[in-house]
Amino acid sequence: ADAKDRMGRAVKALEGNFNRVRTGRASLSLLDGVRVDYYGSIMPLNQVASLSVPEPRTILISPWDAKVIGEIERALQKSELGLTPMNDGKAVRINIPALTEERRKELVKVVRKMAEESRVAMRNIRRDANELLKDLKKDKEISEDDMFRAQEDVQKLTDDYIKRVDGTLAAKEKDILEF
């Protein structure tokens, strides 16, 4: 149960990381890590403005307080997202540039690396679970047959979660390479 929970969290973390990878389409998850200095306190962007995607390649940020527009622009420029904010006095627009073929291939490499790290995490969780089972057998809390059965279950669980990682990776690759 612990291994299943940890593997589930690893898949969720991978999906969260994938959401932050730019695919050439406007997505509000790109702005998840952006923090704005709001009258002396650092706050997430979505707590000082409403965010929307009016067009496939545009993000619109409408601050609730017009005096914060300059801070929002500064935060976006510092964020290392490579996005250029445009201020029209009432709102900030971000145009998402189309990705070049070379950049798409780089992004595919990045997401493949993320997926491989996730697979390694799954294998580490499997190893920890198997070591726990061996310790239980050594302490004579379970029989050898129970240990082997449980190890088979852990292997099936690992295979299932690795398939989920591969499916998520395939979907993200398709998303990145799509024009």
N, C-alpha and C. Protein backbone atom coordinates (compact mmCIF):
# COMPACT_ATOMS: atom_id res chain seq x y z
N ALA A 1 0.84 -1.19 0.00
CA ALA A 1 0.00 0.00 0.00
C ALA A 1 0.88 1.26 0.00
N ASP A 2 1.97 1.20 0.77
CA ASP A 2 2.89 2.34 0.82
C ASP A 2 3.54 2.55 -0.55
N ALA A 3 3.95 1.45 -1.18
CA ALA A 3 4.59 1.53 -2.50
C ALA A 3 3.61 2.10 -3.52
N LYS A 4 2.35 1.65 -3.46
CA LYS A 4 1.33 2.15 -4.39
C LYS A 4 1.13 3.65 -4.21
N ASP A 5 1.06 4.09 -2.96
CA ASP A 5 0.88 5.51 -2.66
C ASP A 5 2.07 6.32 -3.18
N ARG A 6 3.28 5.85 -2.94
CA ARG A 6 4.48 6.57 -3.38
C ARG A 6 4.57 6.62 -4.90
N MET A 7 4.21 5.51 -5.57
CA MET A 7 4.24 5.48 -7.04
C MET A 7 3.20 6.44 -7.61
N GLY A 8 2.03 6.48 -6.98
CA GLY A 8 0.99 7.41 -7.42
C GLY A 8 1.44 8.85 -7.31
N ARG A 9 2.12 9.17 -6.21
CA ARG A 9 2.62 10.53 -6.04
C ARG A 9 3.71 10.85 -7.07
N ALA A 10 4.53 9.85 -7.41
CA ALA A 10 5.58 10.07 -8.42
C ALA A 10 4.97 10.37 -9.78
N VAL A 11 3.88 9.66 -10.13
CA VAL A 11 3.21 9.92 -11.41
C VAL A 11 2.59 11.32 -11.40
N LYS A 12 1.95 11.70 -10.29
CA LYS A 12 1.36 13.05 -10.19
C LYS A 12 2.43 14.13 -10.32
N ALA A 13 3.59 13.91 -9.69
CA ALA A 13 4.68 14.87 -9.79
C ALA A 13 5.16 15.00 -11.23
N LEU A 14 5.25 13.86 -11.93
CA LEU A 14 5.67 13.87 -13.33
C LEU A 14 4.67 14.66 -14.18
N GLU A 15 3.38 14.43 -13.95
CA GLU A 15 2.35 15.15 -14.71
C GLU A 15 2.44 16.66 -14.43
N GLY A 16 2.71 17.02 -13.19
CA GLY A 16 2.88 18.43 -12.84
C GLY A 16 4.09 19.04 -13.55
N ASN A 17 5.18 18.28 -13.62
CA ASN A 17 6.37 18.76 -14.32
C ASN A 17 6.09 18.90 -15.81
N PHE A 18 5.36 17.95 -16.38
CA PHE A 18 5.02 18.01 -17.80
C PHE A 18 4.17 19.24 -18.10
N ASN A 19 3.28 19.62 -17.18
CA ASN A 19 2.41 20.78 -17.40
C ASN A 19 3.20 22.07 -17.49
N ARG A 20 4.37 22.10 -16.88
CA ARG A 20 5.18 23.32 -16.91
C ARG A 20 6.02 23.42 -18.18
N VAL A 21 6.06 22.35 -18.96
CA VAL A 21 6.83 22.37 -20.21
C VAL A 21 5.98 23.01 -21.30
N ARG A 22 6.51 24.03 -21.93
CA ARG A 22 5.78 24.80 -22.93
C ARG A 22 5.59 23.98 -24.20
N THR A 23 4.39 24.00 -24.75
CA THR A 23 4.12 23.22 -25.96
C THR A 23 3.74 24.10 -27.15
N GLY A 24 3.87 25.42 -27.02
CA GLY A 24 3.50 26.28 -28.12
C GLY A 24 2.06 26.77 -28.03
N ARG A 25 1.30 26.17 -27.12
CA ARG A 25 -0.07 26.61 -26.87
C ARG A 25 -0.11 27.31 -25.53
N ALA A 26 -0.99 28.26 -25.39
CA ALA A 26 -1.11 28.99 -24.12
C ALA A 26 -1.74 28.07 -23.07
N SER A 27 -1.11 28.00 -21.92
CA SER A 27 -1.62 27.20 -20.82
C SER A 27 -1.36 27.95 -19.51
N LEU A 28 -2.37 28.02 -18.67
CA LEU A 28 -2.22 28.75 -17.41
C LEU A 28 -1.22 28.07 -16.47
N SER A 29 -0.99 26.78 -16.66
CA SER A 29 -0.04 26.07 -15.78
C SER A 29 1.39 26.58 -15.99
N LEU A 30 1.66 27.27 -17.10
CA LEU A 30 2.98 27.87 -17.30
C LEU A 30 3.29 28.88 -16.20
N LEU A 31 2.25 29.52 -15.68
CA LEU A 31 2.43 30.61 -14.72
C LEU A 31 2.35 30.15 -13.27
N ASP A 32 2.29 28.83 -13.04
CA ASP A 32 2.14 28.31 -11.68
C ASP A 32 3.23 28.77 -10.73
N GLY A 33 4.47 28.87 -11.21
CA GLY A 33 5.57 29.21 -10.31
C GLY A 33 5.83 30.70 -10.18
N VAL A 34 5.06 31.55 -10.87
CA VAL A 34 5.31 33.00 -10.86
C VAL A 34 4.78 33.61 -9.57
N ARG A 35 5.65 34.37 -8.89
CA ARG A 35 5.29 35.04 -7.64
C ARG A 35 5.43 36.56 -7.84
N VAL A 36 4.48 37.30 -7.29
CA VAL A 36 4.44 38.75 -7.46
C VAL A 36 4.59 39.42 -6.10
N ASP A 37 5.38 40.53 -6.07
CA ASP A 37 5.51 41.33 -4.86
C ASP A 37 4.28 42.21 -4.77
N TYR A 38 3.38 41.88 -3.86
CA TYR A 38 2.11 42.59 -3.72
C TYR A 38 2.12 43.35 -2.41
N TYR A 39 2.45 44.63 -2.49
CA TYR A 39 2.54 45.50 -1.30
C TYR A 39 3.40 44.89 -0.20
N GLY A 40 4.57 44.41 -0.59
CA GLY A 40 5.54 43.92 0.39
C GLY A 40 5.47 42.44 0.68
N SER A 41 4.44 41.74 0.22
CA SER A 41 4.41 40.29 0.44
C SER A 41 4.42 39.58 -0.91
N ILE A 42 5.10 38.47 -0.96
CA ILE A 42 5.23 37.70 -2.19
C ILE A 42 4.04 36.75 -2.30
N MET A 43 3.29 36.88 -3.40
CA MET A 43 2.07 36.07 -3.57
C MET A 43 2.08 35.41 -4.94
N PRO A 44 1.41 34.25 -5.06
CA PRO A 44 1.26 33.63 -6.38
C PRO A 44 0.47 34.55 -7.31
N LEU A 45 0.82 34.51 -8.58
CA LEU A 45 0.18 35.39 -9.57
C LEU A 45 -1.34 35.22 -9.58
N ASN A 46 -1.82 33.99 -9.44
CA ASN A 46 -3.27 33.76 -9.52
C ASN A 46 -4.03 34.31 -8.30
N GLN A 47 -3.32 34.82 -7.28
CA GLN A 47 -3.99 35.42 -6.14
C GLN A 47 -4.06 36.94 -6.22
N VAL A 48 -3.40 37.53 -7.24
CA VAL A 48 -3.46 38.98 -7.40
C VAL A 48 -4.13 39.38 -8.72
N ALA A 49 -4.47 38.39 -9.55
CA ALA A 49 -5.07 38.69 -10.84
C ALA A 49 -5.88 37.49 -11.34
N SER A 50 -6.80 37.78 -12.26
CA SER A 50 -7.50 36.66 -12.89
C SER A 50 -6.74 36.32 -14.17
N LEU A 51 -6.61 35.04 -14.42
CA LEU A 51 -5.85 34.55 -15.57
C LEU A 51 -6.82 33.89 -16.54
N SER A 52 -6.61 34.14 -17.84
CA SER A 52 -7.46 33.50 -18.84
C SER A 52 -6.68 33.29 -20.13
N VAL A 53 -7.24 32.43 -20.99
CA VAL A 53 -6.64 32.14 -22.28
C VAL A 53 -7.68 32.50 -23.34
N PRO A 54 -7.71 33.78 -23.78
CA PRO A 54 -8.73 34.19 -24.75
C PRO A 54 -8.50 33.61 -26.15
N GLU A 55 -7.25 33.34 -26.49
CA GLU A 55 -6.89 32.77 -27.80
C GLU A 55 -5.88 31.66 -27.57
N PRO A 56 -5.72 30.74 -28.53
CA PRO A 56 -4.81 29.61 -28.32
C PRO A 56 -3.36 29.98 -27.99
N ARG A 57 -2.90 31.15 -28.43
CA ARG A 57 -1.51 31.53 -28.19
C ARG A 57 -1.37 32.78 -27.31
N THR A 58 -2.41 33.11 -26.55
CA THR A 58 -2.37 34.31 -25.72
C THR A 58 -2.88 34.02 -24.31
N ILE A 59 -2.17 34.57 -23.33
CA ILE A 59 -2.62 34.50 -21.93
C ILE A 59 -2.92 35.93 -21.51
N LEU A 60 -4.07 36.14 -20.89
CA LEU A 60 -4.48 37.46 -20.43
C LEU A 60 -4.47 37.46 -18.90
N ILE A 61 -3.75 38.43 -18.34
CA ILE A 61 -3.66 38.56 -16.89
C ILE A 61 -4.33 39.89 -16.52
N SER A 62 -5.46 39.81 -15.82
CA SER A 62 -6.20 41.02 -15.42
C SER A 62 -6.07 41.19 -13.91
N PRO A 63 -5.20 42.11 -13.47
CA PRO A 63 -5.02 42.30 -12.02
C PRO A 63 -6.26 42.92 -11.39
N TRP A 64 -6.52 42.54 -10.14
CA TRP A 64 -7.65 43.10 -9.42
C TRP A 64 -7.35 44.53 -8.97
N ASP A 65 -6.06 44.84 -8.84
CA ASP A 65 -5.63 46.18 -8.45
C ASP A 65 -4.70 46.68 -9.55
N ALA A 66 -5.09 47.73 -10.26
CA ALA A 66 -4.33 48.22 -11.42
C ALA A 66 -2.91 48.66 -11.06
N LYS A 67 -2.66 48.99 -9.79
CA LYS A 67 -1.33 49.46 -9.38
C LYS A 67 -0.29 48.33 -9.40
N VAL A 68 -0.74 47.09 -9.54
CA VAL A 68 0.17 45.94 -9.46
C VAL A 68 0.70 45.54 -10.84
N ILE A 69 0.22 46.17 -11.90
CA ILE A 69 0.62 45.75 -13.26
C ILE A 69 2.14 45.76 -13.44
N GLY A 70 2.81 46.80 -12.96
CA GLY A 70 4.27 46.87 -13.08
C GLY A 70 4.96 45.71 -12.38
N GLU A 71 4.47 45.37 -11.18
CA GLU A 71 5.05 44.25 -10.43
C GLU A 71 4.83 42.93 -11.16
N ILE A 72 3.65 42.77 -11.77
CA ILE A 72 3.36 41.54 -12.52
C ILE A 72 4.32 41.42 -13.70
N GLU A 73 4.53 42.54 -14.41
CA GLU A 73 5.48 42.52 -15.54
C GLU A 73 6.88 42.14 -15.08
N ARG A 74 7.34 42.73 -13.99
CA ARG A 74 8.67 42.41 -13.46
C ARG A 74 8.78 40.94 -13.08
N ALA A 75 7.74 40.43 -12.42
CA ALA A 75 7.76 39.02 -12.00
C ALA A 75 7.83 38.10 -13.21
N LEU A 76 7.10 38.43 -14.27
CA LEU A 76 7.12 37.59 -15.48
C LEU A 76 8.48 37.64 -16.17
N GLN A 77 9.12 38.81 -16.18
CA GLN A 77 10.44 38.92 -16.81
C GLN A 77 11.50 38.18 -16.01
N LYS A 78 11.37 38.16 -14.68
CA LYS A 78 12.33 37.45 -13.82
C LYS A 78 12.12 35.95 -13.83
N SER A 79 10.96 35.48 -14.30
CA SER A 79 10.56 34.09 -14.14
C SER A 79 11.32 33.09 -14.99
N GLU A 80 12.15 33.53 -15.93
CA GLU A 80 12.93 32.65 -16.81
C GLU A 80 12.05 31.75 -17.68
N LEU A 81 10.82 32.18 -17.94
CA LEU A 81 9.95 31.42 -18.83
C LEU A 81 10.20 31.79 -20.29
N GLY A 82 10.94 32.88 -20.51
CA GLY A 82 11.21 33.32 -21.87
C GLY A 82 9.99 33.96 -22.52
N LEU A 83 9.09 34.50 -21.70
CA LEU A 83 7.88 35.12 -22.21
C LEU A 83 8.00 36.64 -22.08
N THR A 84 7.45 37.36 -23.06
CA THR A 84 7.50 38.82 -23.03
C THR A 84 6.12 39.36 -22.72
N PRO A 85 5.93 39.97 -21.53
CA PRO A 85 4.62 40.54 -21.19
C PRO A 85 4.41 41.88 -21.89
N MET A 86 3.16 42.14 -22.29
CA MET A 86 2.79 43.43 -22.89
C MET A 86 1.70 44.06 -22.03
N ASN A 87 1.95 45.28 -21.59
CA ASN A 87 1.06 45.98 -20.68
C ASN A 87 0.23 47.00 -21.46
N ASP A 88 -1.10 46.93 -21.32
CA ASP A 88 -1.95 47.91 -21.99
C ASP A 88 -2.62 48.87 -20.99
N GLY A 89 -2.12 48.91 -19.77
CA GLY A 89 -2.66 49.81 -18.76
C GLY A 89 -3.69 49.17 -17.86
N LYS A 90 -4.48 48.24 -18.41
CA LYS A 90 -5.51 47.56 -17.61
C LYS A 90 -5.18 46.10 -17.37
N ALA A 91 -4.45 45.50 -18.30
CA ALA A 91 -4.14 44.07 -18.22
C ALA A 91 -2.77 43.81 -18.85
N VAL A 92 -2.27 42.61 -18.61
CA VAL A 92 -1.00 42.19 -19.20
C VAL A 92 -1.30 41.02 -20.13
N ARG A 93 -0.82 41.14 -21.35
CA ARG A 93 -1.00 40.05 -22.33
C ARG A 93 0.35 39.38 -22.55
N ILE A 94 0.31 38.06 -22.70
CA ILE A 94 1.51 37.31 -23.03
C ILE A 94 1.21 36.52 -24.30
N ASN A 95 1.97 36.79 -25.35
CA ASN A 95 1.83 36.01 -26.58
C ASN A 95 2.84 34.88 -26.54
N ILE A 96 2.36 33.66 -26.75
CA ILE A 96 3.22 32.48 -26.74
C ILE A 96 3.73 32.28 -28.16
N PRO A 97 5.05 32.41 -28.38
CA PRO A 97 5.57 32.23 -29.74
C PRO A 97 5.50 30.77 -30.18
N ALA A 98 5.38 30.57 -31.47
CA ALA A 98 5.38 29.20 -32.01
C ALA A 98 6.76 28.60 -31.80
N LEU A 99 6.79 27.32 -31.53
CA LEU A 99 8.07 26.64 -31.29
C LEU A 99 8.72 26.25 -32.61
N THR A 100 10.04 26.37 -32.68
CA THR A 100 10.76 25.91 -33.86
C THR A 100 10.92 24.40 -33.77
N GLU A 101 11.22 23.77 -34.89
CA GLU A 101 11.40 22.31 -34.91
C GLU A 101 12.53 21.89 -33.97
N GLU A 102 13.60 22.68 -33.96
CA GLU A 102 14.75 22.37 -33.09
C GLU A 102 14.34 22.44 -31.62
N ARG A 103 13.58 23.47 -31.26
CA ARG A 103 13.14 23.63 -29.87
C ARG A 103 12.19 22.51 -29.47
N ARG A 104 11.34 22.07 -30.40
CA ARG A 104 10.44 20.95 -30.12
C ARG A 104 11.24 19.69 -29.79
N LYS A 105 12.30 19.44 -30.57
CA LYS A 105 13.12 18.24 -30.31
C LYS A 105 13.82 18.33 -28.96
N GLU A 106 14.27 19.54 -28.60
CA GLU A 106 14.89 19.73 -27.29
C GLU A 106 13.88 19.45 -26.18
N LEU A 107 12.64 19.95 -26.35
CA LEU A 107 11.61 19.72 -25.34
C LEU A 107 11.27 18.24 -25.21
N VAL A 108 11.27 17.51 -26.33
CA VAL A 108 11.01 16.07 -26.27
C VAL A 108 12.10 15.39 -25.46
N LYS A 109 13.36 15.80 -25.66
CA LYS A 109 14.46 15.23 -24.87
C LYS A 109 14.26 15.52 -23.38
N VAL A 110 13.82 16.74 -23.07
CA VAL A 110 13.60 17.13 -21.67
C VAL A 110 12.52 16.26 -21.04
N VAL A 111 11.39 16.08 -21.75
CA VAL A 111 10.30 15.29 -21.15
C VAL A 111 10.68 13.81 -21.06
N ARG A 112 11.47 13.31 -22.01
CA ARG A 112 11.94 11.91 -21.92
C ARG A 112 12.82 11.73 -20.69
N LYS A 113 13.67 12.74 -20.42
CA LYS A 113 14.54 12.67 -19.23
C LYS A 113 13.69 12.68 -17.96
N MET A 114 12.66 13.53 -17.93
CA MET A 114 11.76 13.57 -16.77
C MET A 114 11.09 12.21 -16.57
N ALA A 115 10.64 11.61 -17.67
CA ALA A 115 9.97 10.31 -17.59
C ALA A 115 10.95 9.24 -17.09
N GLU A 116 12.19 9.29 -17.55
CA GLU A 116 13.17 8.31 -17.10
C GLU A 116 13.45 8.48 -15.62
N GLU A 117 13.52 9.71 -15.15
CA GLU A 117 13.71 9.95 -13.71
C GLU A 117 12.54 9.37 -12.92
N SER A 118 11.35 9.49 -13.47
CA SER A 118 10.16 8.94 -12.81
C SER A 118 10.23 7.41 -12.78
N ARG A 119 10.67 6.81 -13.89
CA ARG A 119 10.82 5.34 -13.92
C ARG A 119 11.85 4.88 -12.89
N VAL A 120 12.95 5.63 -12.76
CA VAL A 120 13.97 5.29 -11.77
C VAL A 120 13.38 5.36 -10.37
N ALA A 121 12.55 6.39 -10.13
CA ALA A 121 11.89 6.51 -8.82
C ALA A 121 11.00 5.30 -8.56
N MET A 122 10.28 4.83 -9.59
CA MET A 122 9.42 3.64 -9.45
C MET A 122 10.27 2.42 -9.07
N ARG A 123 11.40 2.26 -9.75
CA ARG A 123 12.26 1.10 -9.46
C ARG A 123 12.84 1.19 -8.05
N ASN A 124 13.15 2.41 -7.59
CA ASN A 124 13.65 2.58 -6.22
C ASN A 124 12.57 2.21 -5.21
N ILE A 125 11.33 2.59 -5.50
CA ILE A 125 10.22 2.24 -4.61
C ILE A 125 10.04 0.72 -4.58
N ARG A 126 10.15 0.08 -5.75
CA ARG A 126 10.04 -1.38 -5.82
C ARG A 126 11.14 -2.04 -4.98
N ARG A 127 12.37 -1.52 -5.11
CA ARG A 127 13.49 -2.07 -4.34
C ARG A 127 13.23 -1.94 -2.84
N ASP A 128 12.74 -0.76 -2.41
CA ASP A 128 12.46 -0.55 -0.98
C ASP A 128 11.39 -1.54 -0.50
N ALA A 129 10.34 -1.74 -1.31
CA ALA A 129 9.27 -2.66 -0.92
C ALA A 129 9.80 -4.09 -0.83
N ASN A 130 10.64 -4.49 -1.78
CA ASN A 130 11.19 -5.85 -1.76
C ASN A 130 12.12 -6.05 -0.56
N GLU A 131 12.88 -5.03 -0.21
CA GLU A 131 13.75 -5.13 0.97
C GLU A 131 12.92 -5.28 2.24
N LEU A 132 11.82 -4.55 2.31
CA LEU A 132 10.92 -4.67 3.45
C LEU A 132 10.37 -6.09 3.56
N LEU A 133 9.98 -6.66 2.41
CA LEU A 133 9.47 -8.03 2.40
C LEU A 133 10.54 -9.03 2.86
N LYS A 134 11.76 -8.85 2.42
CA LYS A 134 12.86 -9.74 2.83
C LYS A 134 13.11 -9.64 4.33
N ASP A 135 13.03 -8.40 4.86
CA ASP A 135 13.20 -8.21 6.31
C ASP A 135 12.09 -8.91 7.08
N LEU A 136 10.84 -8.82 6.57
CA LEU A 136 9.72 -9.49 7.24
C LEU A 136 9.92 -11.01 7.24
N LYS A 137 10.43 -11.55 6.11
CA LYS A 137 10.68 -13.00 6.04
C LYS A 137 11.80 -13.38 7.01
N LYS A 138 12.85 -12.56 7.05
CA LYS A 138 13.99 -12.84 7.93
C LYS A 138 13.55 -12.84 9.40
N ASP A 139 12.61 -11.92 9.73
CA ASP A 139 12.10 -11.86 11.11
C ASP A 139 11.00 -12.90 11.34
N LYS A 140 10.76 -13.74 10.34
CA LYS A 140 9.77 -14.82 10.38
C LYS A 140 8.35 -14.30 10.61
N GLU A 141 8.05 -13.10 10.10
CA GLU A 141 6.70 -12.57 10.20
C GLU A 141 5.84 -13.04 9.02
N ILE A 142 6.50 -13.39 7.91
CA ILE A 142 5.77 -13.96 6.76
C ILE A 142 6.56 -15.16 6.25
N SER A 143 5.86 -16.05 5.55
CA SER A 143 6.54 -17.24 5.00
C SER A 143 7.22 -16.86 3.69
N GLU A 144 8.06 -17.81 3.21
CA GLU A 144 8.77 -17.57 1.96
C GLU A 144 7.79 -17.45 0.78
N ASP A 145 6.75 -18.31 0.79
CA ASP A 145 5.74 -18.25 -0.28
C ASP A 145 5.04 -16.89 -0.29
N ASP A 146 4.67 -16.39 0.91
CA ASP A 146 4.02 -15.08 1.00
C ASP A 146 4.95 -13.98 0.48
N MET A 147 6.25 -14.11 0.79
CA MET A 147 7.20 -13.11 0.34
C MET A 147 7.26 -13.09 -1.19
N PHE A 148 7.35 -14.29 -1.81
CA PHE A 148 7.43 -14.34 -3.28
C PHE A 148 6.14 -13.83 -3.92
N ARG A 149 4.98 -14.18 -3.33
CA ARG A 149 3.70 -13.69 -3.85
C ARG A 149 3.65 -12.16 -3.78
N ALA A 150 4.07 -11.62 -2.65
CA ALA A 150 4.05 -10.17 -2.46
C ALA A 150 5.04 -9.49 -3.41
N GLN A 151 6.19 -10.13 -3.65
CA GLN A 151 7.16 -9.55 -4.60
C GLN A 151 6.58 -9.52 -6.02
N GLU A 152 5.81 -10.57 -6.38
CA GLU A 152 5.15 -10.57 -7.69
C GLU A 152 4.13 -9.43 -7.77
N ASP A 153 3.39 -9.21 -6.68
CA ASP A 153 2.42 -8.11 -6.65
C ASP A 153 3.12 -6.76 -6.81
N VAL A 154 4.25 -6.61 -6.12
CA VAL A 154 5.01 -5.36 -6.21
C VAL A 154 5.51 -5.16 -7.64
N GLN A 155 5.95 -6.25 -8.29
CA GLN A 155 6.42 -6.15 -9.67
C GLN A 155 5.28 -5.76 -10.62
N LYS A 156 4.10 -6.35 -10.41
CA LYS A 156 2.94 -5.99 -11.25
C LYS A 156 2.58 -4.52 -11.06
N LEU A 157 2.60 -4.07 -9.80
CA LEU A 157 2.31 -2.68 -9.49
C LEU A 157 3.32 -1.76 -10.19
N THR A 158 4.60 -2.12 -10.10
CA THR A 158 5.64 -1.33 -10.75
C THR A 158 5.42 -1.27 -12.25
N ASP A 159 5.11 -2.42 -12.87
CA ASP A 159 4.86 -2.45 -14.32
C ASP A 159 3.68 -1.56 -14.69
N ASP A 160 2.60 -1.61 -13.90
CA ASP A 160 1.43 -0.79 -14.17
C ASP A 160 1.77 0.70 -14.14
N TYR A 161 2.50 1.11 -13.11
CA TYR A 161 2.83 2.53 -12.98
C TYR A 161 3.83 2.97 -14.04
N ILE A 162 4.74 2.10 -14.44
CA ILE A 162 5.68 2.46 -15.52
C ILE A 162 4.91 2.61 -16.83
N LYS A 163 3.87 1.77 -17.04
CA LYS A 163 3.03 1.93 -18.24
C LYS A 163 2.31 3.28 -18.20
N ARG A 164 1.86 3.69 -17.01
CA ARG A 164 1.20 5.00 -16.90
C ARG A 164 2.17 6.13 -17.24
N VAL A 165 3.41 6.00 -16.77
CA VAL A 165 4.44 7.00 -17.08
C VAL A 165 4.67 7.04 -18.59
N ASP A 166 4.78 5.87 -19.22
CA ASP A 166 5.01 5.80 -20.66
C ASP A 166 3.84 6.41 -21.43
N GLY A 167 2.60 6.15 -20.98
CA GLY A 167 1.42 6.72 -21.63
C GLY A 167 1.40 8.24 -21.51
N THR A 168 1.74 8.74 -20.33
CA THR A 168 1.79 10.18 -20.10
C THR A 168 2.87 10.80 -20.99
N LEU A 169 4.02 10.13 -21.09
CA LEU A 169 5.12 10.61 -21.93
C LEU A 169 4.69 10.66 -23.39
N ALA A 170 4.05 9.60 -23.87
CA ALA A 170 3.62 9.55 -25.28
C ALA A 170 2.65 10.70 -25.58
N ALA A 171 1.72 10.96 -24.67
CA ALA A 171 0.76 12.05 -24.87
C ALA A 171 1.48 13.40 -24.91
N LYS A 172 2.44 13.60 -24.02
CA LYS A 172 3.16 14.88 -23.97
C LYS A 172 4.01 15.06 -25.22
N GLU A 173 4.69 13.99 -25.68
CA GLU A 173 5.49 14.07 -26.91
C GLU A 173 4.61 14.46 -28.09
N LYS A 174 3.43 13.84 -28.17
CA LYS A 174 2.50 14.13 -29.25
C LYS A 174 2.09 15.60 -29.19
N ASP A 175 1.84 16.08 -27.97
CA ASP A 175 1.44 17.47 -27.75
C ASP A 175 2.55 18.43 -28.20
N ILE A 176 3.80 18.10 -27.88
CA ILE A 176 4.92 18.96 -28.23
C ILE A 176 5.16 18.98 -29.74
N LEU A 177 5.09 17.83 -30.37
CA LEU A 177 5.42 17.74 -31.79
C LEU A 177 4.29 18.19 -32.71
N GLU A 178 3.08 18.35 -32.15
CA GLU A 178 1.92 18.79 -32.92
C GLU A 178 2.06 20.26 -33.30
N PHE A 179 1.72 20.59 -34.53
CA PHE A 179 1.81 21.99 -34.97
C PHE A 179 0.50 22.69 -34.80
